[in-house]
Amino acid sequence: MTTLGDVMGLWRRLTQGQQDLLVAAVVGAVWFVALNLINGTWLRPHNPAVSVVTGVFLVATVAFARRIPRTMLVIVSVLYPFMYAAVGTGLAAQLGLTIFGQPEISDAALQSEIHLVPLLVVGYLAASAGVRRFTCLFFTMGSLAGLMIGLPTVVAIVLSHVNRLVLRGPRYKALPRDLGSLYTYIDISLFVFAEALICGMVLLGADTRRRRKSVALLEQRNAELVRLRAVEAERAAVAERTRIARDLHDVISHHVSAVVIRAQAADRVADQRPEVLREAIRWIIASGKEALTAMRETVRVLNTASPQIAGDTGSGGGTAPVPDLADVARMGERLKAVGIDVTMELPPRQRQLTSATDLTAVRIIQEALTNVMVHAKATAARVTWQSGPQGELLTIDDNGNGGPPPVNVLETARRKESGRGNGLIGMRERATAVGGTLAVAAGPLGGWRVQAWLPPQK
């Protein structure tokens, strides 16, 4: 069973030309069927042939006005009044055109207001198709003036050549005999009303075009916003995944490095001091469990980050775990367990680490301590975290024996594929991401100093 939705779908699949032709066919069928039905009633015009001319121009206007609006505007505005006058007043018969079958003379007045429809339709369609309002008003209103004012002139021309015997019939006995009296046939109120109606149709067509352009522009902007939102969501998802992956690297690198160094130290003294080996194994087990817990939590968030970012902004399920100051203190304990004496000056323990700046500070400290543990060959390190209204200042010093860093260490680190440079790049990227800075220089303990400034969280 065909539904209204099926019909509308079929209609949308048609081209504009096919739609116009179909509408024109329906309009023509309705017009000529109605004309045939009223042929024997009081609604029948004095000269039915003019209704045929009106129907032909109306069908042509509906069929072609949207595709060739300017051409149809000129054709209808110029030809329709001439054809109407020629057929309705007998001028066509005077010219030898008898195909309309009308009497030689009808009358000098507009036979029906419905005969204005072609001018109304062409004015509306031309304006809605983009023809300037002034142009549409000039042609359509001028055409109406020619149709209603020019008719008496045409009748006068016909009267000057017609067989006077025709005028003796009962229908034409009251027809004026001169041009001045013919103009009494003009209905001034109808003329003014028709001009206002045509003006209104032209303005309505122009407004329809304006609203159609506004809707198209809004749809275009909406589509662009949807596309930008999708791009932004994807960019946010990628950024979040990258951040969490970096966190995963920091967690695993820190814990595994400590485990490896502690295991190597225990292996060297295992034969002489078995109790140290047992103690190291217990420490490695505890540290490994802690690393696995942190890794599972980070991987879980990594697996759910994209859906949370793209479709849910309220639950926070896609947020990476945020460490606290106790975790920072445990980082120092791990270095002490592998033989590096670490002193820490941290903010008060009751402070909650919840902002992106706090997380960045923790990860920079973690990576810097990992570098001290793996690369610096240091025996002592100092961590200072100064927090104030101007932001967060992090300083990590060590007494490593590798010598002071090169002056352009951050630039050269970019070109390395492994080693200490990757940690430096990661720390700098973290600091830059929150609007901070990071510098590496020789420290007062004889090794390196990593110093980062992070702006206060707004």
Protein backbone atom coordinates (compact mmCIF):
# COMPACT_ATOMS: atom_id res chain seq x y z
CA MET A 1 0.00 0.00 0.00
CA THR A 2 1.42 3.36 -1.05
CA THR A 3 1.72 5.84 1.81
CA LEU A 4 2.14 9.59 1.88
CA GLY A 5 5.79 9.07 2.78
CA ASP A 6 6.33 7.00 -0.36
CA VAL A 7 4.73 9.71 -2.50
CA MET A 8 6.90 12.41 -0.89
CA GLY A 9 10.00 10.29 -1.40
CA LEU A 10 9.15 9.85 -5.09
CA TRP A 11 8.53 13.61 -5.37
CA ARG A 12 11.94 14.44 -3.88
CA ARG A 13 13.66 12.14 -6.36
CA LEU A 14 12.28 14.16 -9.29
CA THR A 15 14.32 17.00 -10.73
CA GLN A 16 13.07 20.57 -10.50
CA GLY A 17 12.05 20.53 -14.17
CA GLN A 18 10.11 17.30 -13.73
CA GLN A 19 8.36 18.69 -10.66
CA ASP A 20 7.39 21.88 -12.51
CA LEU A 21 6.04 19.95 -15.51
CA LEU A 22 4.01 17.69 -13.26
CA VAL A 23 2.53 20.63 -11.34
CA ALA A 24 1.80 22.43 -14.62
CA ALA A 25 -0.01 19.36 -15.95
CA VAL A 26 -2.16 19.18 -12.81
CA VAL A 27 -2.91 22.93 -12.95
CA GLY A 28 -3.83 22.71 -16.63
CA ALA A 29 -6.11 19.73 -16.07
CA VAL A 30 -7.90 21.44 -13.18
CA TRP A 31 -8.22 24.72 -15.10
CA PHE A 32 -9.73 23.30 -18.29
CA VAL A 33 -11.96 20.81 -16.47
CA ALA A 34 -13.33 23.67 -14.35
CA LEU A 35 -13.77 25.80 -17.48
CA ASN A 36 -15.80 23.03 -19.07
CA LEU A 37 -17.94 22.60 -15.96
CA ILE A 38 -18.91 26.27 -15.77
CA ASN A 39 -19.53 26.58 -19.49
CA GLY A 40 -23.31 26.36 -19.08
CA THR A 41 -23.63 28.41 -15.89
CA TRP A 42 -23.71 32.08 -14.98
CA LEU A 43 -20.01 31.86 -14.16
CA ARG A 44 -19.22 31.47 -17.85
CA PRO A 45 -17.26 34.50 -19.17
CA HIS A 46 -18.76 36.57 -21.98
CA ASN A 47 -15.98 35.24 -24.18
CA PRO A 48 -14.74 31.79 -23.04
CA ALA A 49 -11.80 32.00 -25.44
CA VAL A 50 -10.01 34.44 -23.12
CA SER A 51 -10.13 31.81 -20.35
CA VAL A 52 -8.41 29.40 -22.72
CA VAL A 53 -5.67 31.97 -23.34
CA THR A 54 -5.34 32.52 -19.58
CA GLY A 55 -5.06 28.77 -18.98
CA VAL A 56 -2.36 28.36 -21.64
CA PHE A 57 -0.24 31.18 -20.19
CA LEU A 58 -0.79 29.89 -16.65
CA VAL A 59 0.37 26.37 -17.54
CA ALA A 60 3.42 27.71 -19.41
CA THR A 61 4.30 29.97 -16.47
CA VAL A 62 4.16 27.16 -13.92
CA ALA A 63 6.14 24.83 -16.20
CA PHE A 64 9.04 27.14 -17.06
CA ALA A 65 9.16 30.16 -14.73
CA ARG A 66 11.54 28.63 -12.19
CA ARG A 67 14.02 27.45 -14.84
CA ILE A 68 13.96 30.56 -17.08
CA PRO A 69 12.43 33.20 -14.79
CA ARG A 70 13.55 36.31 -16.69
CA THR A 71 12.47 34.97 -20.07
CA MET A 72 9.05 33.91 -18.79
CA LEU A 73 8.60 37.22 -16.99
CA VAL A 74 9.12 39.13 -20.25
CA ILE A 75 7.05 36.72 -22.37
CA VAL A 76 4.05 36.66 -20.05
CA SER A 77 4.16 40.39 -19.27
CA VAL A 78 4.33 41.37 -22.95
CA LEU A 79 2.37 38.69 -24.79
CA TYR A 80 -0.40 37.94 -22.32
CA PRO A 81 -2.05 41.40 -22.39
CA PHE A 82 -1.77 41.50 -26.18
CA MET A 83 -3.28 38.02 -26.63
CA TYR A 84 -5.99 38.72 -24.06
CA ALA A 85 -6.98 41.94 -25.76
CA ALA A 86 -6.79 40.43 -29.23
CA VAL A 87 -9.00 37.49 -28.34
CA GLY A 88 -11.35 39.29 -25.99
CA THR A 89 -12.17 42.32 -28.13
CA GLY A 90 -12.31 40.88 -31.61
CA LEU A 91 -8.95 42.16 -32.84
CA ALA A 92 -7.87 38.60 -33.56
CA ALA A 93 -10.83 38.17 -35.87
CA GLN A 94 -9.97 41.44 -37.58
CA LEU A 95 -6.47 40.05 -38.20
CA GLY A 96 -7.92 36.88 -39.67
CA LEU A 97 -7.31 34.58 -36.68
CA THR A 98 -10.58 32.70 -36.31
CA ILE A 99 -9.28 29.69 -34.41
CA PHE A 100 -10.59 31.07 -31.12
CA GLY A 101 -14.18 31.09 -32.34
CA GLN A 102 -15.02 34.29 -30.46
CA PRO A 103 -17.43 36.92 -31.71
CA GLU A 104 -15.91 39.89 -33.45
CA ILE A 105 -16.40 42.13 -30.43
CA SER A 106 -16.73 41.23 -26.75
CA ASP A 107 -16.27 44.25 -24.49
CA ALA A 108 -13.59 46.57 -23.23
CA ALA A 109 -13.48 45.43 -19.62
CA LEU A 110 -11.49 42.70 -17.83
CA GLN A 111 -13.95 39.85 -18.02
CA SER A 112 -12.95 38.14 -14.73
CA GLU A 113 -10.51 38.78 -11.91
CA ILE A 114 -9.30 35.20 -12.29
CA HIS A 115 -7.70 36.24 -15.56
CA LEU A 116 -5.03 38.08 -13.52
CA VAL A 117 -3.60 34.74 -12.30
CA PRO A 118 -0.79 34.44 -14.92
CA LEU A 119 0.59 37.84 -13.93
CA LEU A 120 0.37 37.00 -10.21
CA VAL A 121 2.07 33.64 -10.68
CA VAL A 122 4.86 34.87 -12.93
CA GLY A 123 5.59 37.78 -10.56
CA TYR A 124 5.81 35.45 -7.57
CA LEU A 125 7.88 32.75 -9.28
CA ALA A 126 10.28 35.21 -10.93
CA ALA A 127 10.92 37.01 -7.63
CA SER A 128 11.37 33.75 -5.75
CA ALA A 129 13.80 32.57 -8.45
CA GLY A 130 16.08 35.57 -7.93
CA VAL A 131 14.87 38.23 -10.37
CA ARG A 132 15.15 41.68 -8.79
CA ARG A 133 11.97 42.99 -7.19
CA PHE A 134 12.04 46.22 -9.20
CA THR A 135 12.27 44.28 -12.45
CA CYS A 136 9.38 42.01 -11.48
CA LEU A 137 7.22 44.95 -10.40
CA PHE A 138 8.03 46.92 -13.56
CA PHE A 139 6.97 44.15 -15.93
CA THR A 140 3.98 42.73 -14.05
CA MET A 141 2.43 46.03 -12.94
CA GLY A 142 3.09 47.54 -16.36
CA SER A 143 1.50 44.50 -17.97
CA LEU A 144 -1.62 44.89 -15.82
CA ALA A 145 -1.82 48.57 -16.74
CA GLY A 146 -1.59 47.64 -20.41
CA LEU A 147 -4.21 44.94 -19.96
CA MET A 148 -6.80 47.11 -18.22
CA ILE A 149 -6.08 50.51 -19.77
CA GLY A 150 -5.05 49.29 -23.21
CA LEU A 151 -8.23 47.26 -23.73
CA PRO A 152 -10.39 50.30 -24.53
CA THR A 153 -7.83 51.37 -27.11
CA VAL A 154 -7.96 47.95 -28.74
CA VAL A 155 -11.75 48.07 -28.77
CA ALA A 156 -11.61 51.48 -30.43
CA ILE A 157 -9.32 50.08 -33.12
CA VAL A 158 -11.72 47.21 -33.71
CA LEU A 159 -14.75 49.50 -33.85
CA SER A 160 -13.13 51.56 -36.56
CA HIS A 161 -12.98 48.54 -38.86
CA VAL A 162 -15.83 46.31 -37.79
CA ASN A 163 -18.99 45.76 -39.76
CA ARG A 164 -21.50 48.12 -38.21
CA LEU A 165 -24.23 45.53 -38.54
CA VAL A 166 -22.59 43.56 -35.76
CA LEU A 167 -23.18 46.42 -33.37
CA ARG A 168 -26.94 46.18 -33.80
CA GLY A 169 -27.10 42.95 -31.80
CA PRO A 170 -28.59 43.11 -28.27
CA ARG A 171 -25.22 42.40 -26.64
CA TYR A 172 -23.41 45.32 -28.22
CA LYS A 173 -26.17 47.92 -28.45
CA ALA A 174 -24.87 49.76 -25.38
CA LEU A 175 -21.18 49.59 -26.40
CA PRO A 176 -19.69 53.13 -26.54
CA ARG A 177 -18.77 54.44 -29.94
CA ASP A 178 -15.75 56.64 -29.10
CA LEU A 179 -12.48 56.28 -27.15
CA GLY A 180 -13.46 58.66 -24.36
CA SER A 181 -16.62 56.78 -23.51
CA LEU A 182 -14.77 53.44 -23.73
CA TYR A 183 -12.58 54.43 -20.81
CA THR A 184 -15.64 54.52 -18.58
CA TYR A 185 -15.39 50.71 -18.71
CA ILE A 186 -12.27 50.80 -16.52
CA ASP A 187 -12.95 49.85 -12.90
CA ILE A 188 -10.50 52.08 -11.03
CA SER A 189 -10.95 50.31 -7.69
CA LEU A 190 -10.33 46.93 -9.36
CA PHE A 191 -7.25 48.32 -11.10
CA VAL A 192 -5.76 49.64 -7.84
CA PHE A 193 -6.59 46.42 -6.01
CA ALA A 194 -5.04 44.29 -8.77
CA GLU A 195 -1.85 46.37 -8.80
CA ALA A 196 -1.57 46.06 -5.01
CA LEU A 197 -2.16 42.31 -5.27
CA ILE A 198 0.56 41.92 -7.89
CA CYS A 199 2.93 44.01 -5.76
CA GLY A 200 2.16 41.80 -2.77
CA MET A 201 2.83 38.61 -4.76
CA VAL A 202 6.18 39.92 -5.98
CA LEU A 203 7.22 40.90 -2.45
CA LEU A 204 6.03 37.53 -1.15
CA GLY A 205 8.16 35.77 -3.76
CA ALA A 206 11.20 37.85 -2.81
CA ASP A 207 10.62 37.07 0.86
CA THR A 208 10.29 33.38 0.05
CA ARG A 209 13.67 33.46 -1.68
CA ARG A 210 15.21 35.29 1.27
CA ARG A 211 13.86 32.75 3.73
CA ARG A 212 14.97 29.87 1.52
CA LYS A 213 18.50 31.30 1.36
CA SER A 214 18.47 31.79 5.14
CA VAL A 215 17.40 28.19 5.71
CA ALA A 216 20.08 26.94 3.30
CA LEU A 217 22.69 29.07 5.05
CA LEU A 218 21.61 27.78 8.46
CA GLU A 219 21.73 24.20 7.21
CA GLN A 220 25.20 24.80 5.81
CA ARG A 221 26.38 26.33 9.08
CA ASN A 222 24.80 23.51 11.05
CA ALA A 223 26.52 20.91 8.88
CA GLU A 224 29.82 22.76 9.33
CA LEU A 225 29.30 22.90 13.10
CA VAL A 226 28.54 19.18 13.19
CA ARG A 227 31.68 18.49 11.18
CA LEU A 228 33.80 20.74 13.39
CA ARG A 229 32.32 19.14 16.49
CA ALA A 230 33.23 15.70 15.18
CA VAL A 231 36.75 16.89 14.33
CA GLU A 232 37.11 18.52 17.74
CA ALA A 233 35.82 15.40 19.48
CA GLU A 234 38.28 13.26 17.56
CA ARG A 235 41.10 15.69 18.34
CA ALA A 236 40.17 15.64 22.02
CA ALA A 237 40.03 11.86 21.99
CA VAL A 238 43.47 11.64 20.38
CA ALA A 239 44.88 14.17 22.84
CA GLU A 240 43.42 12.27 25.79
CA ARG A 241 44.74 8.96 24.52
CA THR A 242 48.16 10.50 23.99
CA ARG A 243 48.14 11.93 27.50
CA ILE A 244 47.07 8.65 29.05
CA ALA A 245 49.63 6.75 26.98
CA ARG A 246 52.28 9.15 28.26
CA ASP A 247 51.05 8.54 31.80
CA LEU A 248 51.29 4.80 31.18
CA HIS A 249 54.84 5.20 29.97
CA ASP A 250 55.77 7.26 33.02
CA VAL A 251 54.21 4.80 35.46
CA ILE A 252 55.75 1.71 33.88
CA SER A 253 59.13 3.34 33.31
CA HIS A 254 59.38 4.56 36.89
CA HIS A 255 58.30 1.32 38.57
CA VAL A 256 60.11 -1.09 36.25
CA SER A 257 63.34 0.94 36.40
CA ALA A 258 63.25 0.82 40.19
CA VAL A 259 62.54 -2.91 40.13
CA VAL A 260 65.39 -3.62 37.71
CA ILE A 261 67.92 -1.57 39.68
CA ARG A 262 66.87 -3.13 42.97
CA ALA A 263 67.05 -6.61 41.45
CA GLN A 264 70.54 -5.95 40.04
CA ALA A 265 71.75 -4.68 43.41
CA ALA A 266 70.32 -7.69 45.21
CA ASP A 267 71.90 -10.06 42.70
CA ARG A 268 75.34 -8.63 43.35
CA VAL A 269 75.15 -9.36 47.11
CA ALA A 270 72.97 -12.46 47.00
CA ASP A 271 75.81 -14.88 47.88
CA GLN A 272 77.23 -12.87 50.77
CA ARG A 273 73.94 -11.51 52.18
CA PRO A 274 70.94 -13.77 51.41
CA GLU A 275 68.69 -11.73 53.69
CA VAL A 276 69.18 -8.71 51.41
CA LEU A 277 68.00 -10.82 48.46
CA ARG A 278 64.89 -11.89 50.37
CA GLU A 279 64.15 -8.32 51.35
CA ALA A 280 64.64 -7.15 47.75
CA ILE A 281 62.27 -9.83 46.47
CA ARG A 282 59.58 -8.70 48.90
CA TRP A 283 60.11 -5.11 47.83
CA ILE A 284 60.01 -6.07 44.16
CA ILE A 285 56.74 -7.97 44.69
CA ALA A 286 55.12 -5.01 46.42
CA SER A 287 56.42 -2.55 43.85
CA GLY A 288 55.31 -4.81 40.98
CA LYS A 289 51.79 -5.09 42.41
CA GLU A 290 51.66 -1.33 42.72
CA ALA A 291 52.83 -0.93 39.13
CA LEU A 292 50.25 -3.43 37.89
CA THR A 293 47.47 -1.62 39.73
CA ALA A 294 48.46 1.73 38.23
CA MET A 295 48.85 0.19 34.79
CA ARG A 296 45.43 -1.53 34.88
CA GLU A 297 43.74 1.69 35.95
CA THR A 298 45.42 3.68 33.19
CA VAL A 299 44.65 1.06 30.53
CA ARG A 300 41.03 0.92 31.66
CA VAL A 301 40.70 4.67 31.20
CA LEU A 302 42.50 4.45 27.86
CA ASN A 303 39.93 1.92 26.62
CA THR A 304 36.99 4.12 27.60
CA ALA A 305 38.44 7.58 26.82
CA SER A 306 37.07 8.00 23.29
CA PRO A 307 33.41 7.15 24.01
CA GLN A 308 33.43 9.37 27.06
CA ILE A 309 34.88 12.31 25.15
CA ALA A 310 32.74 11.92 22.06
CA GLY A 311 29.41 11.24 23.68
CA ASP A 312 29.41 11.96 27.42
CA THR A 313 30.79 15.04 29.02
CA GLY A 314 29.25 14.64 32.41
CA SER A 315 30.38 11.40 34.03
CA GLY A 316 34.10 11.86 34.08
CA GLY A 317 34.56 8.16 33.32
CA GLY A 318 37.19 8.98 30.73
CA THR A 319 39.49 10.86 33.08
CA ALA A 320 42.86 9.41 33.91
CA PRO A 321 43.59 8.59 37.59
CA VAL A 322 45.10 11.58 39.40
CA PRO A 323 47.88 10.78 41.89
CA ASP A 324 48.18 12.56 45.21
CA LEU A 325 51.09 13.88 47.26
CA ALA A 326 51.47 10.49 48.95
CA ASP A 327 52.28 9.01 45.53
CA VAL A 328 54.95 11.66 45.06
CA ALA A 329 56.46 10.74 48.43
CA ARG A 330 56.46 7.06 47.46
CA MET A 331 58.46 7.94 44.36
CA GLY A 332 61.21 9.17 46.65
CA GLU A 333 60.97 6.00 48.73
CA ARG A 334 61.55 3.88 45.63
CA LEU A 335 64.73 5.78 44.84
CA LYS A 336 65.90 5.34 48.43
CA ALA A 337 65.27 1.61 48.04
CA VAL A 338 67.73 1.49 45.14
CA GLY A 339 70.39 3.50 46.97
CA ILE A 340 69.62 7.12 46.03
CA ASP A 341 69.09 9.48 48.94
CA VAL A 342 66.13 11.69 48.01
CA THR A 343 64.97 14.71 49.96
CA MET A 344 61.62 16.27 49.15
CA GLU A 345 60.04 19.61 49.91
CA LEU A 346 56.38 19.26 48.94
CA PRO A 347 53.19 21.29 49.51
CA PRO A 348 51.12 20.43 52.59
CA ARG A 349 49.73 16.89 52.53
CA GLN A 350 46.13 18.07 52.92
CA ARG A 351 46.24 19.71 49.50
CA GLN A 352 44.17 17.87 46.90
CA LEU A 353 45.77 17.36 43.48
CA THR A 354 42.84 17.71 41.09
CA SER A 355 43.83 20.11 38.33
CA ALA A 356 45.67 19.49 35.08
CA THR A 357 48.56 21.58 36.42
CA ASP A 358 48.85 19.34 39.50
CA LEU A 359 48.89 16.19 37.37
CA THR A 360 51.53 17.71 35.10
CA ALA A 361 53.68 18.57 38.13
CA VAL A 362 53.48 15.01 39.45
CA ARG A 363 54.39 13.48 36.10
CA ILE A 364 57.33 15.84 35.58
CA ILE A 365 58.70 14.93 39.02
CA GLN A 366 58.17 11.23 38.27
CA GLU A 367 59.97 11.38 34.94
CA ALA A 368 62.81 13.48 36.33
CA LEU A 369 63.34 10.99 39.18
CA THR A 370 63.24 8.11 36.70
CA ASN A 371 65.99 9.82 34.69
CA VAL A 372 68.01 10.28 37.89
CA MET A 373 67.56 6.61 38.72
CA VAL A 374 68.33 5.22 35.26
CA HIS A 375 70.78 7.65 33.64
CA ALA A 376 72.42 9.97 36.17
CA LYS A 377 74.44 7.44 38.24
CA ALA A 378 73.58 9.64 41.21
CA THR A 379 73.61 8.89 44.91
CA ALA A 380 71.50 11.86 46.00
CA ALA A 381 68.66 13.94 44.63
CA ARG A 382 66.52 16.79 45.85
CA VAL A 383 62.95 17.61 44.85
CA THR A 384 61.43 21.01 45.60
CA TRP A 385 57.80 21.86 44.81
CA GLN A 386 57.00 25.51 45.52
CA SER A 387 53.38 26.50 45.15
CA GLY A 388 52.12 30.09 45.14
CA PRO A 389 49.79 32.58 43.45
CA GLN A 390 52.25 32.91 40.55
CA GLY A 391 52.06 29.19 39.79
CA GLU A 392 53.97 26.02 40.55
CA LEU A 393 57.80 25.91 40.52
CA LEU A 394 59.37 22.45 40.37
CA THR A 395 63.08 21.87 40.85
CA ILE A 396 64.77 18.45 40.67
CA ASP A 397 68.54 18.33 41.33
CA ASP A 398 70.92 15.35 41.38
CA ASN A 399 74.63 14.75 42.02
CA GLY A 400 75.16 12.49 39.02
CA ASN A 401 78.68 12.10 37.68
CA GLY A 402 77.74 12.51 34.03
CA GLY A 403 78.70 16.17 34.07
CA PRO A 404 76.59 19.23 33.28
CA PRO A 405 74.06 18.98 30.44
CA PRO A 406 74.82 20.55 27.06
CA VAL A 407 73.56 24.08 26.59
CA ASN A 408 71.09 23.03 23.91
CA VAL A 409 70.13 19.71 25.48
CA LEU A 410 66.39 20.18 24.88
CA GLU A 411 66.96 20.85 21.18
CA THR A 412 69.31 17.90 20.69
CA ALA A 413 66.99 15.63 22.66
CA ARG A 414 64.40 16.06 19.95
CA ARG A 415 66.59 14.17 17.49
CA LYS A 416 67.25 11.16 19.70
CA GLU A 417 65.23 8.00 19.32
CA SER A 418 65.89 6.55 22.78
CA GLY A 419 67.50 7.31 26.07
CA ARG A 420 67.32 10.32 28.30
CA GLY A 421 66.16 12.59 25.53
CA ASN A 422 62.70 11.03 25.35
CA GLY A 423 62.07 11.87 28.99
CA LEU A 424 63.15 15.45 28.45
CA ILE A 425 60.83 15.78 25.45
CA GLY A 426 57.94 14.31 27.41
CA MET A 427 58.49 16.70 30.33
CA ARG A 428 58.72 19.70 28.05
CA GLU A 429 55.55 18.68 26.18
CA ARG A 430 53.68 18.31 29.46
CA ALA A 431 54.79 21.74 30.66
CA THR A 432 53.95 23.40 27.34
CA ALA A 433 50.51 21.76 27.24
CA VAL A 434 49.41 23.68 30.36
CA GLY A 435 51.15 26.91 29.35
CA GLY A 436 54.35 26.42 31.35
CA THR A 437 58.05 26.17 30.62
CA LEU A 438 60.82 23.69 31.32
CA ALA A 439 64.57 24.22 31.47
CA VAL A 440 67.55 21.90 31.98
CA ALA A 441 70.87 23.19 33.31
CA ALA A 442 73.79 22.33 35.62
CA GLY A 443 72.63 21.95 39.24
CA PRO A 444 74.22 22.95 42.56
CA LEU A 445 74.72 19.29 43.55
CA GLY A 446 77.08 18.68 40.65
CA GLY A 447 74.65 16.97 38.30
CA TRP A 448 71.65 18.16 36.35
CA ARG A 449 68.87 20.51 37.37
CA VAL A 450 65.43 20.14 35.81
CA GLN A 451 63.26 23.14 36.56
CA ALA A 452 59.67 23.67 35.42
CA TRP A 453 57.26 26.53 35.93
CA LEU A 454 53.56 25.85 35.57
CA PRO A 455 50.93 28.63 35.58
CA PRO A 456 48.26 28.68 38.26
CA GLN A 457 45.13 26.73 37.42
CA LYS A 458 42.24 29.06 36.49
